[in-house]
PDB file of all heavy atoms in Angstrom:
ATOM      1  N   LYS A   1      -8.026  -6.377  16.376  1.00  0.00           N
ATOM      2  CA  LYS A   1      -9.435  -6.785  16.360  1.00  0.00           C
ATOM      3  C   LYS A   1      -9.698  -7.838  17.427  1.00  0.00           C
ATOM      4  O   LYS A   1     -10.718  -7.782  18.130  1.00  0.00           O
ATOM      5  CB  LYS A   1      -9.801  -7.318  14.969  1.00  0.00           C
ATOM      6  CG  LYS A   1     -11.261  -7.731  14.838  1.00  0.00           C
ATOM      7  CD  LYS A   1     -11.548  -8.257  13.441  1.00  0.00           C
ATOM      8  CE  LYS A   1     -12.994  -8.689  13.297  1.00  0.00           C
ATOM      9  NZ  LYS A   1     -13.272  -9.238  11.944  1.00  0.00           N
ATOM     10  N   GLU A   2      -8.781  -8.789  17.576  1.00  0.00           N
ATOM     11  CA  GLU A   2      -8.932  -9.818  18.608  1.00  0.00           C
ATOM     12  C   GLU A   2      -8.964  -9.206  20.009  1.00  0.00           C
ATOM     13  O   GLU A   2      -9.597  -9.749  20.921  1.00  0.00           O
ATOM     14  CB  GLU A   2      -7.777 -10.812  18.537  1.00  0.00           C
ATOM     15  CG  GLU A   2      -7.826 -11.754  17.365  1.00  0.00           C
ATOM     16  CD  GLU A   2      -6.756 -12.814  17.424  1.00  0.00           C
ATOM     17  OE1 GLU A   2      -5.817 -12.672  18.237  1.00  0.00           O
ATOM     18  OE2 GLU A   2      -6.836 -13.782  16.647  1.00  0.00           O
ATOM     19  N   GLN A   3      -8.259  -8.098  20.161  1.00  0.00           N
ATOM     20  CA  GLN A   3      -8.181  -7.432  21.472  1.00  0.00           C
ATOM     21  C   GLN A   3      -9.265  -6.376  21.664  1.00  0.00           C
ATOM     22  O   GLN A   3      -9.290  -5.678  22.683  1.00  0.00           O
ATOM     23  CB  GLN A   3      -6.806  -6.760  21.629  1.00  0.00           C
ATOM     24  CG  GLN A   3      -5.622  -7.650  21.322  1.00  0.00           C
ATOM     25  CD  GLN A   3      -5.582  -8.904  22.174  1.00  0.00           C
ATOM     26  OE1 GLN A   3      -5.725  -8.821  23.390  1.00  0.00           O
ATOM     27  NE2 GLN A   3      -5.394 -10.057  21.549  1.00  0.00           N
ATOM     28  N   GLY A   4     -10.144  -6.226  20.675  1.00  0.00           N
ATOM     29  CA  GLY A   4     -11.192  -5.223  20.763  1.00  0.00           C
ATOM     30  C   GLY A   4     -10.692  -3.799  20.597  1.00  0.00           C
ATOM     31  O   GLY A   4     -11.353  -2.850  21.040  1.00  0.00           O
ATOM     32  N   ARG A   5      -9.544  -3.618  19.899  1.00  0.00           N
ATOM     33  CA  ARG A   5      -8.941  -2.284  19.765  1.00  0.00           C
ATOM     34  C   ARG A   5      -8.693  -1.910  18.308  1.00  0.00           C
ATOM     35  O   ARG A   5      -7.894  -1.022  18.014  1.00  0.00           O
ATOM     36  CB  ARG A   5      -7.601  -2.214  20.521  1.00  0.00           C
ATOM     37  CG  ARG A   5      -7.643  -2.718  21.953  1.00  0.00           C
ATOM     38  CD  ARG A   5      -8.644  -1.971  22.812  1.00  0.00           C
ATOM     39  NE  ARG A   5      -8.257  -0.577  23.018  1.00  0.00           N
ATOM     40  CZ  ARG A   5      -9.008   0.302  23.674  1.00  0.00           C
ATOM     41  NH1 ARG A   5     -10.191  -0.057  24.140  1.00  0.00           N
ATOM     42  NH2 ARG A   5      -8.585   1.544  23.839  1.00  0.00           N
ATOM     43  N   GLN A   6      -9.382  -2.562  17.377  1.00  0.00           N
ATOM     44  CA  GLN A   6      -9.110  -2.332  15.962  1.00  0.00           C
ATOM     45  C   GLN A   6      -9.446  -0.913  15.529  1.00  0.00           C
ATOM     46  O   GLN A   6      -8.668  -0.261  14.825  1.00  0.00           O
ATOM     47  CB  GLN A   6      -9.883  -3.332  15.102  1.00  0.00           C
ATOM     48  CG  GLN A   6      -9.529  -3.245  13.627  1.00  0.00           C
ATOM     49  CD  GLN A   6     -10.395  -4.144  12.769  1.00  0.00           C
ATOM     50  OE1 GLN A   6     -11.619  -4.108  12.856  1.00  0.00           O
ATOM     51  NE2 GLN A   6      -9.760  -4.962  11.940  1.00  0.00           N
ATOM     52  N   GLU A   7     -10.598  -0.431  15.929  1.00  0.00           N
ATOM     53  CA  GLU A   7     -11.027   0.910  15.523  1.00  0.00           C
ATOM     54  C   GLU A   7     -10.037   1.968  16.001  1.00  0.00           C
ATOM     55  O   GLU A   7      -9.676   2.887  15.264  1.00  0.00           O
ATOM     56  CB  GLU A   7     -12.416   1.206  16.090  1.00  0.00           C
ATOM     57  CG  GLU A   7     -13.021   2.502  15.608  1.00  0.00           C
ATOM     58  CD  GLU A   7     -13.707   2.369  14.263  1.00  0.00           C
ATOM     59  OE1 GLU A   7     -14.157   1.249  13.932  1.00  0.00           O
ATOM     60  OE2 GLU A   7     -13.801   3.380  13.541  1.00  0.00           O
ATOM     61  N   GLN A   8      -9.583   1.805  17.247  1.00  0.00           N
ATOM     62  CA  GLN A   8      -8.636   2.772  17.807  1.00  0.00           C
ATOM     63  C   GLN A   8      -7.322   2.766  17.032  1.00  0.00           C
ATOM     64  O   GLN A   8      -6.763   3.832  16.726  1.00  0.00           O
ATOM     65  CB  GLN A   8      -8.369   2.454  19.280  1.00  0.00           C
ATOM     66  CG  GLN A   8      -9.561   2.686  20.189  1.00  0.00           C
ATOM     67  CD  GLN A   8     -10.491   1.481  20.277  1.00  0.00           C
ATOM     68  OE1 GLN A   8     -10.480   0.602  19.416  1.00  0.00           O
ATOM     69  NE2 GLN A   8     -11.296   1.441  21.331  1.00  0.00           N
ATOM     70  N   LEU A   9      -6.824   1.565  16.712  1.00  0.00           N
ATOM     71  CA  LEU A   9      -5.556   1.482  15.979  1.00  0.00           C
ATOM     72  C   LEU A   9      -5.706   2.012  14.561  1.00  0.00           C
ATOM     73  O   LEU A   9      -4.816   2.723  14.055  1.00  0.00           O
ATOM     74  CB  LEU A   9      -5.047   0.039  15.955  1.00  0.00           C
ATOM     75  CG  LEU A   9      -3.710  -0.168  15.225  1.00  0.00           C
ATOM     76  CD1 LEU A   9      -2.605   0.697  15.813  1.00  0.00           C
ATOM     77  CD2 LEU A   9      -3.309  -1.650  15.245  1.00  0.00           C
ATOM     78  N   LEU A  10      -6.804   1.701  13.908  1.00  0.00           N
ATOM     79  CA  LEU A  10      -7.011   2.176  12.541  1.00  0.00           C
ATOM     80  C   LEU A  10      -6.991   3.697  12.483  1.00  0.00           C
ATOM     81  O   LEU A  10      -6.344   4.296  11.620  1.00  0.00           O
ATOM     82  CB  LEU A  10      -8.334   1.638  11.997  1.00  0.00           C
ATOM     83  CG  LEU A  10      -8.681   2.021  10.556  1.00  0.00           C
ATOM     84  CD1 LEU A  10      -7.619   1.543   9.581  1.00  0.00           C
ATOM     85  CD2 LEU A  10     -10.051   1.455  10.180  1.00  0.00           C
ATOM     86  N   ASP A  11      -7.686   4.340  13.410  1.00  0.00           N
ATOM     87  CA  ASP A  11      -7.713   5.804  13.425  1.00  0.00           C
ATOM     88  C   ASP A  11      -6.318   6.383  13.658  1.00  0.00           C
ATOM     89  O   ASP A  11      -5.940   7.385  13.033  1.00  0.00           O
ATOM     90  CB  ASP A  11      -8.667   6.301  14.513  1.00  0.00           C
ATOM     91  CG  ASP A  11     -10.131   6.156  14.121  1.00  0.00           C
ATOM     92  OD1 ASP A  11     -10.416   6.041  12.912  1.00  0.00           O
ATOM     93  OD2 ASP A  11     -10.987   6.145  15.021  1.00  0.00           O
ATOM     94  N   LEU A  12      -5.550   5.757  14.535  1.00  0.00           N
ATOM     95  CA  LEU A  12      -4.192   6.238  14.816  1.00  0.00           C
ATOM     96  C   LEU A  12      -3.276   6.052  13.607  1.00  0.00           C
ATOM     97  O   LEU A  12      -2.437   6.911  13.304  1.00  0.00           O
ATOM     98  CB  LEU A  12      -3.621   5.511  16.032  1.00  0.00           C
ATOM     99  CG  LEU A  12      -4.199   5.936  17.378  1.00  0.00           C
ATOM    100  CD1 LEU A  12      -3.830   4.932  18.463  1.00  0.00           C
ATOM    101  CD2 LEU A  12      -3.708   7.335  17.763  1.00  0.00           C
ATOM    102  N   LEU A  13      -3.423   4.938  12.903  1.00  0.00           N
ATOM    103  CA  LEU A  13      -2.609   4.693  11.707  1.00  0.00           C
ATOM    104  C   LEU A  13      -2.942   5.702  10.608  1.00  0.00           C
ATOM    105  O   LEU A  13      -2.044   6.230   9.945  1.00  0.00           O
ATOM    106  CB  LEU A  13      -2.822   3.271  11.206  1.00  0.00           C
ATOM    107  CG  LEU A  13      -2.197   2.152  12.042  1.00  0.00           C
ATOM    108  CD1 LEU A  13      -2.710   0.790  11.594  1.00  0.00           C
ATOM    109  CD2 LEU A  13      -0.671   2.194  11.971  1.00  0.00           C
ATOM    110  N   TYR A  14      -4.223   5.952  10.414  1.00  0.00           N
ATOM    111  CA  TYR A  14      -4.621   6.945   9.414  1.00  0.00           C
ATOM    112  C   TYR A  14      -4.017   8.310   9.741  1.00  0.00           C
ATOM    113  O   TYR A  14      -3.437   8.974   8.873  1.00  0.00           O
ATOM    114  CB  TYR A  14      -6.141   7.069   9.362  1.00  0.00           C
ATOM    115  CG  TYR A  14      -6.844   6.113   8.434  1.00  0.00           C
ATOM    116  CD1 TYR A  14      -8.059   5.527   8.794  1.00  0.00           C
ATOM    117  CD2 TYR A  14      -6.334   5.817   7.174  1.00  0.00           C
ATOM    118  CE1 TYR A  14      -8.725   4.667   7.947  1.00  0.00           C
ATOM    119  CE2 TYR A  14      -6.988   4.956   6.326  1.00  0.00           C
ATOM    120  CZ  TYR A  14      -8.186   4.381   6.712  1.00  0.00           C
ATOM    121  OH  TYR A  14      -8.841   3.523   5.856  1.00  0.00           O
ATOM    122  N   ARG A  15      -4.187   8.737  10.967  1.00  0.00           N
ATOM    123  CA  ARG A  15      -3.680  10.054  11.337  1.00  0.00           C
ATOM    124  C   ARG A  15      -2.160  10.116  11.201  1.00  0.00           C
ATOM    125  O   ARG A  15      -1.618  11.099  10.695  1.00  0.00           O
ATOM    126  CB  ARG A  15      -4.109  10.406  12.763  1.00  0.00           C
ATOM    127  CG  ARG A  15      -3.536  11.745  13.194  1.00  0.00           C
ATOM    128  CD  ARG A  15      -4.091  12.290  14.475  1.00  0.00           C
ATOM    129  NE  ARG A  15      -3.442  13.562  14.773  1.00  0.00           N
ATOM    130  CZ  ARG A  15      -3.766  14.717  14.212  1.00  0.00           C
ATOM    131  NH1 ARG A  15      -4.756  14.765  13.346  1.00  0.00           N
ATOM    132  NH2 ARG A  15      -3.120  15.828  14.510  1.00  0.00           N
ATOM    133  N   ALA A  16      -1.488   9.068  11.645  1.00  0.00           N
ATOM    134  CA  ALA A  16      -0.026   9.057  11.564  1.00  0.00           C
ATOM    135  C   ALA A  16       0.438   9.145  10.117  1.00  0.00           C
ATOM    136  O   ALA A  16       1.396   9.856   9.794  1.00  0.00           O
ATOM    137  CB  ALA A  16       0.528   7.798  12.225  1.00  0.00           C
ATOM    138  N   ASN A  17      -0.236   8.426   9.224  1.00  0.00           N
ATOM    139  CA  ASN A  17       0.192   8.416   7.828  1.00  0.00           C
ATOM    140  C   ASN A  17      -0.128   9.715   7.102  1.00  0.00           C
ATOM    141  O   ASN A  17       0.685  10.209   6.316  1.00  0.00           O
ATOM    142  CB  ASN A  17      -0.456   7.243   7.086  1.00  0.00           C
ATOM    143  CG  ASN A  17       0.023   7.132   5.657  1.00  0.00           C
ATOM    144  OD1 ASN A  17       1.214   7.276   5.377  1.00  0.00           O
ATOM    145  ND2 ASN A  17      -0.888   6.889   4.739  1.00  0.00           N
ATOM    146  N   PHE A  18      -1.295  10.268   7.358  1.00  0.00           N
ATOM    147  CA  PHE A  18      -1.733  11.425   6.573  1.00  0.00           C
ATOM    148  C   PHE A  18      -1.492  12.784   7.234  1.00  0.00           C
ATOM    149  O   PHE A  18      -1.465  13.792   6.532  1.00  0.00           O
ATOM    150  CB  PHE A  18      -3.215  11.283   6.224  1.00  0.00           C
ATOM    151  CG  PHE A  18      -3.488  10.179   5.247  1.00  0.00           C
ATOM    152  CD1 PHE A  18      -4.112   9.016   5.659  1.00  0.00           C
ATOM    153  CD2 PHE A  18      -3.084  10.285   3.931  1.00  0.00           C
ATOM    154  CE1 PHE A  18      -4.352   7.977   4.761  1.00  0.00           C
ATOM    155  CE2 PHE A  18      -3.305   9.260   3.026  1.00  0.00           C
ATOM    156  CZ  PHE A  18      -3.938   8.104   3.440  1.00  0.00           C
ATOM    157  N   ALA A  19      -1.316  12.803   8.541  1.00  0.00           N
ATOM    158  CA  ALA A  19      -1.249  14.105   9.211  1.00  0.00           C
ATOM    159  C   ALA A  19       0.032  14.354   9.990  1.00  0.00           C
ATOM    160  O   ALA A  19       0.324  15.500  10.334  1.00  0.00           O
ATOM    161  CB  ALA A  19      -2.446  14.255  10.160  1.00  0.00           C
ATOM    162  N   GLU A  20       0.816  13.298  10.265  1.00  0.00           N
ATOM    163  CA  GLU A  20       1.998  13.474  11.095  1.00  0.00           C
ATOM    164  C   GLU A  20       3.271  13.324  10.276  1.00  0.00           C
ATOM    165  O   GLU A  20       3.286  12.691   9.226  1.00  0.00           O
ATOM    166  CB  GLU A  20       1.961  12.486  12.259  1.00  0.00           C
ATOM    167  CG  GLU A  20       0.757  12.719  13.173  1.00  0.00           C
ATOM    168  CD  GLU A  20       0.628  11.691  14.283  1.00  0.00           C
ATOM    169  OE1 GLU A  20       1.524  10.819  14.395  1.00  0.00           O
ATOM    170  OE2 GLU A  20      -0.355  11.752  15.040  1.00  0.00           O
ATOM    171  N   GLU A  21       4.336  13.900  10.790  1.00  0.00           N
ATOM    172  CA  GLU A  21       5.574  13.979  10.020  1.00  0.00           C
ATOM    173  C   GLU A  21       6.343  12.664   9.988  1.00  0.00           C
ATOM    174  O   GLU A  21       6.913  12.295   8.960  1.00  0.00           O
ATOM    175  CB  GLU A  21       6.466  15.083  10.603  1.00  0.00           C
ATOM    176  CG  GLU A  21       7.711  15.362   9.780  1.00  0.00           C
ATOM    177  CD  GLU A  21       8.462  16.590  10.266  1.00  0.00           C
ATOM    178  OE1 GLU A  21       7.914  17.339  11.097  1.00  0.00           O
ATOM    179  OE2 GLU A  21       9.592  16.790   9.800  1.00  0.00           O
ATOM    180  N   ARG A  22       6.370  11.948  11.086  1.00  0.00           N
ATOM    181  CA  ARG A  22       7.160  10.717  11.142  1.00  0.00           C
ATOM    182  C   ARG A  22       6.495   9.607  10.343  1.00  0.00           C
ATOM    183  O   ARG A  22       5.295   9.358  10.470  1.00  0.00           O
ATOM    184  CB  ARG A  22       7.341  10.283  12.600  1.00  0.00           C
ATOM    185  CG  ARG A  22       8.244   9.069  12.770  1.00  0.00           C
ATOM    186  CD  ARG A  22       8.437   8.751  14.244  1.00  0.00           C
ATOM    187  NE  ARG A  22       9.076   7.466  14.442  1.00  0.00           N
ATOM    188  CZ  ARG A  22       9.223   6.874  15.615  1.00  0.00           C
ATOM    189  NH1 ARG A  22       8.771   7.491  16.710  1.00  0.00           N
ATOM    190  NH2 ARG A  22       9.798   5.695  15.720  1.00  0.00           N
ATOM    191  N   SER A  23       7.284   8.912   9.534  1.00  0.00           N
ATOM    192  CA  SER A  23       6.747   7.872   8.659  1.00  0.00           C
ATOM    193  C   SER A  23       6.273   6.654   9.444  1.00  0.00           C
ATOM    194  O   SER A  23       6.798   6.333  10.506  1.00  0.00           O
ATOM    195  CB  SER A  23       7.824   7.440   7.650  1.00  0.00           C
ATOM    196  OG  SER A  23       7.344   6.378   6.843  1.00  0.00           O
ATOM    197  N   VAL A  24       5.292   5.975   8.879  1.00  0.00           N
ATOM    198  CA  VAL A  24       4.829   4.706   9.457  1.00  0.00           C
ATOM    199  C   VAL A  24       5.380   3.515   8.689  1.00  0.00           C
ATOM    200  O   VAL A  24       5.083   2.364   9.030  1.00  0.00           O
ATOM    201  CB  VAL A  24       3.279   4.629   9.460  1.00  0.00           C
ATOM    202  CG1 VAL A  24       2.692   5.670  10.388  1.00  0.00           C
ATOM    203  CG2 VAL A  24       2.715   4.789   8.053  1.00  0.00           C
ATOM    204  N   PHE A  25       6.173   3.763   7.672  1.00  0.00           N
ATOM    205  CA  PHE A  25       6.656   2.684   6.811  1.00  0.00           C
ATOM    206  C   PHE A  25       8.052   2.219   7.223  1.00  0.00           C
ATOM    207  O   PHE A  25       8.945   3.030   7.472  1.00  0.00           O
ATOM    208  CB  PHE A  25       6.657   3.133   5.346  1.00  0.00           C
ATOM    209  CG  PHE A  25       5.282   3.496   4.844  1.00  0.00           C
ATOM    210  CD1 PHE A  25       4.910   4.815   4.682  1.00  0.00           C
ATOM    211  CD2 PHE A  25       4.347   2.501   4.568  1.00  0.00           C
ATOM    212  CE1 PHE A  25       3.639   5.154   4.237  1.00  0.00           C
ATOM    213  CE2 PHE A  25       3.076   2.826   4.131  1.00  0.00           C
ATOM    214  CZ  PHE A  25       2.717   4.157   3.963  1.00  0.00           C
ATOM    215  N   ASN A  26       8.200   0.885   7.280  1.00  0.00           N
ATOM    216  CA  ASN A  26       9.482   0.250   7.601  1.00  0.00           C
ATOM    217  C   ASN A  26      10.059   0.774   8.912  1.00  0.00           C
ATOM    218  O   ASN A  26      11.259   0.979   9.042  1.00  0.00           O
ATOM    219  CB  ASN A  26      10.491   0.451   6.460  1.00  0.00           C
ATOM    220  CG  ASN A  26      11.640  -0.553   6.542  1.00  0.00           C
ATOM    221  OD1 ASN A  26      11.504  -1.601   7.175  1.00  0.00           O
ATOM    222  ND2 ASN A  26      12.758  -0.229   5.911  1.00  0.00           N
ATOM    223  N   ASP A  27       9.195   0.991   9.882  1.00  0.00           N
ATOM    224  CA  ASP A  27       9.619   1.483  11.198  1.00  0.00           C
ATOM    225  C   ASP A  27       8.769   0.767  12.245  1.00  0.00           C
ATOM    226  O   ASP A  27       7.721   1.257  12.668  1.00  0.00           O
ATOM    227  CB  ASP A  27       9.428   3.004  11.279  1.00  0.00           C
ATOM    228  CG  ASP A  27       9.966   3.598  12.580  1.00  0.00           C
ATOM    229  OD1 ASP A  27      10.269   2.817  13.509  1.00  0.00           O
ATOM    230  OD2 ASP A  27      10.067   4.831  12.672  1.00  0.00           O
ATOM    231  N   ASP A  28       9.229  -0.420  12.644  1.00  0.00           N
ATOM    232  CA  ASP A  28       8.445  -1.235  13.566  1.00  0.00           C
ATOM    233  C   ASP A  28       8.178  -0.521  14.886  1.00  0.00           C
ATOM    234  O   ASP A  28       7.091  -0.651  15.460  1.00  0.00           O
ATOM    235  CB  ASP A  28       9.150  -2.564  13.831  1.00  0.00           C
ATOM    236  CG  ASP A  28       9.011  -3.533  12.658  1.00  0.00           C
ATOM    237  OD1 ASP A  28       8.348  -3.172  11.658  1.00  0.00           O
ATOM    238  OD2 ASP A  28       9.562  -4.646  12.741  1.00  0.00           O
ATOM    239  N   GLU A  29       9.156   0.218  15.378  1.00  0.00           N
ATOM    240  CA  GLU A  29       8.950   0.886  16.661  1.00  0.00           C
ATOM    241  C   GLU A  29       7.895   1.987  16.565  1.00  0.00           C
ATOM    242  O   GLU A  29       7.196   2.261  17.537  1.00  0.00           O
ATOM    243  CB  GLU A  29      10.269   1.445  17.196  1.00  0.00           C
ATOM    244  CG  GLU A  29      11.149   0.387  17.833  1.00  0.00           C
ATOM    245  CD  GLU A  29      10.414  -0.441  18.896  1.00  0.00           C
ATOM    246  OE1 GLU A  29       9.905   0.159  19.869  1.00  0.00           O
ATOM    247  OE2 GLU A  29      10.333  -1.672  18.753  1.00  0.00           O
ATOM    248  N   ARG A  30       7.779   2.595  15.407  1.00  0.00           N
ATOM    249  CA  ARG A  30       6.704   3.572  15.201  1.00  0.00           C
ATOM    250  C   ARG A  30       5.348   2.873  15.307  1.00  0.00           C
ATOM    251  O   ARG A  30       4.416   3.381  15.938  1.00  0.00           O
ATOM    252  CB  ARG A  30       6.863   4.246  13.832  1.00  0.00           C
ATOM    253  CG  ARG A  30       5.738   5.197  13.439  1.00  0.00           C
ATOM    254  CD  ARG A  30       5.659   6.374  14.370  1.00  0.00           C
ATOM    255  NE  ARG A  30       4.821   7.437  13.824  1.00  0.00           N
ATOM    256  CZ  ARG A  30       4.073   8.241  14.569  1.00  0.00           C
ATOM    257  NH1 ARG A  30       4.060   8.104  15.881  1.00  0.00           N
ATOM    258  NH2 ARG A  30       3.350   9.189  14.011  1.00  0.00           N
ATOM    259  N   LEU A  31       5.246   1.698  14.700  1.00  0.00           N
ATOM    260  CA  LEU A  31       3.997   0.942  14.770  1.00  0.00           C
ATOM    261  C   LEU A  31       3.717   0.481  16.197  1.00  0.00           C
ATOM    262  O   LEU A  31       2.559   0.474  16.636  1.00  0.00           O
ATOM    263  CB  LEU A  31       4.049  -0.257  13.821  1.00  0.00           C
ATOM    264  CG  LEU A  31       4.168   0.064  12.327  1.00  0.00           C
ATOM    265  CD1 LEU A  31       4.143  -1.208  11.499  1.00  0.00           C
ATOM    266  CD2 LEU A  31       3.056   1.007  11.875  1.00  0.00           C
ATOM    267  N   VAL A  32       4.764   0.101  16.923  1.00  0.00           N
ATOM    268  CA  VAL A  32       4.582  -0.296  18.325  1.00  0.00           C
ATOM    269  C   VAL A  32       4.037   0.881  19.135  1.00  0.00           C
ATOM    270  O   VAL A  32       3.104   0.724  19.923  1.00  0.00           O
ATOM    271  CB  VAL A  32       5.905  -0.804  18.929  1.00  0.00           C
ATOM    272  CG1 VAL A  32       5.766  -1.006  20.442  1.00  0.00           C
ATOM    273  CG2 VAL A  32       6.345  -2.104  18.270  1.00  0.00           C
ATOM    274  N   GLU A  33       4.596   2.054  18.933  1.00  0.00           N
ATOM    275  CA  GLU A  33       4.128   3.244  19.664  1.00  0.00           C
ATOM    276  C   GLU A  33       2.649   3.503  19.397  1.00  0.00           C
ATOM    277  O   GLU A  33       1.874   3.792  20.323  1.00  0.00           O
ATOM    278  CB  GLU A  33       4.948   4.466  19.252  1.00  0.00           C
ATOM    279  CG  GLU A  33       6.382   4.459  19.741  1.00  0.00           C
ATOM    280  CD  GLU A  33       7.173   5.618  19.162  1.00  0.00           C
ATOM    281  OE1 GLU A  33       6.549   6.529  18.561  1.00  0.00           O
ATOM    282  OE2 GLU A  33       8.411   5.612  19.293  1.00  0.00           O
ATOM    283  N   LEU A  34       2.250   3.405  18.138  1.00  0.00           N
ATOM    284  CA  LEU A  34       0.857   3.650  17.785  1.00  0.00           C
ATOM    285  C   LEU A  34      -0.058   2.577  18.387  1.00  0.00           C
ATOM    286  O   LEU A  34      -1.146   2.883  18.878  1.00  0.00           O
ATOM    287  CB  LEU A  34       0.698   3.702  16.273  1.00  0.00           C
ATOM    288  CG  LEU A  34       1.393   4.891  15.591  1.00  0.00           C
ATOM    289  CD1 LEU A  34       1.428   4.683  14.077  1.00  0.00           C
ATOM    290  CD2 LEU A  34       0.693   6.208  15.929  1.00  0.00           C
ATOM    291  N   ALA A  35       0.398   1.330  18.346  1.00  0.00           N
ATOM    292  CA  ALA A  35      -0.393   0.240  18.899  1.00  0.00           C
ATOM    293  C   ALA A  35      -0.561   0.388  20.407  1.00  0.00           C
ATOM    294  O   ALA A  35      -1.640   0.123  20.958  1.00  0.00           O
ATOM    295  CB  ALA A  35       0.250  -1.096  18.561  1.00  0.00           C
ATOM    296  N   VAL A  36       0.482   0.806  21.082  1.00  0.00           N
ATOM    297  CA  VAL A  36       0.393   1.035  22.528  1.00  0.00           C
ATOM    298  C   VAL A  36      -0.601   2.158  22.815  1.00  0.00           C
ATOM    299  O   VAL A  36      -1.403   2.084  23.757  1.00  0.00           O
ATOM    300  CB  VAL A  36       1.786   1.350  23.111  1.00  0.00           C
ATOM    301  CG1 VAL A  36       1.675   1.855  24.551  1.00  0.00           C
ATOM    302  CG2 VAL A  36       2.675   0.113  23.059  1.00  0.00           C
ATOM    303  N   SER A  37      -0.581   3.207  21.999  1.00  0.00           N
ATOM    304  CA  SER A  37      -1.544   4.303  22.161  1.00  0.00           C
ATOM    305  C   SER A  37      -2.977   3.825  21.962  1.00  0.00           C
ATOM    306  O   SER A  37      -3.919   4.404  22.511  1.00  0.00           O
ATOM    307  CB  SER A  37      -1.241   5.429  21.170  1.00  0.00           C
ATOM    308  OG  SER A  37       0.015   6.021  21.443  1.00  0.00           O
ATOM    309  N   ALA A  38      -3.130   2.739  21.179  1.00  0.00           N
ATOM    310  CA  ALA A  38      -4.458   2.158  20.958  1.00  0.00           C
ATOM    311  C   ALA A  38      -4.861   1.205  22.076  1.00  0.00           C
ATOM    312  O   ALA A  38      -5.971   0.672  22.056  1.00  0.00           O
ATOM    313  CB  ALA A  38      -4.493   1.437  19.617  1.00  0.00           C
TER     314      ALA A  38
END
């Protein structure tokens, strides 16, 4: 949100959790990848 990218990250997190195979839980590098995409 501070970087003006909250909406983009939220959408990516939702899709990753509900539609993609790789887990978003307890996987910091997965979160880094999603954040970079945002």
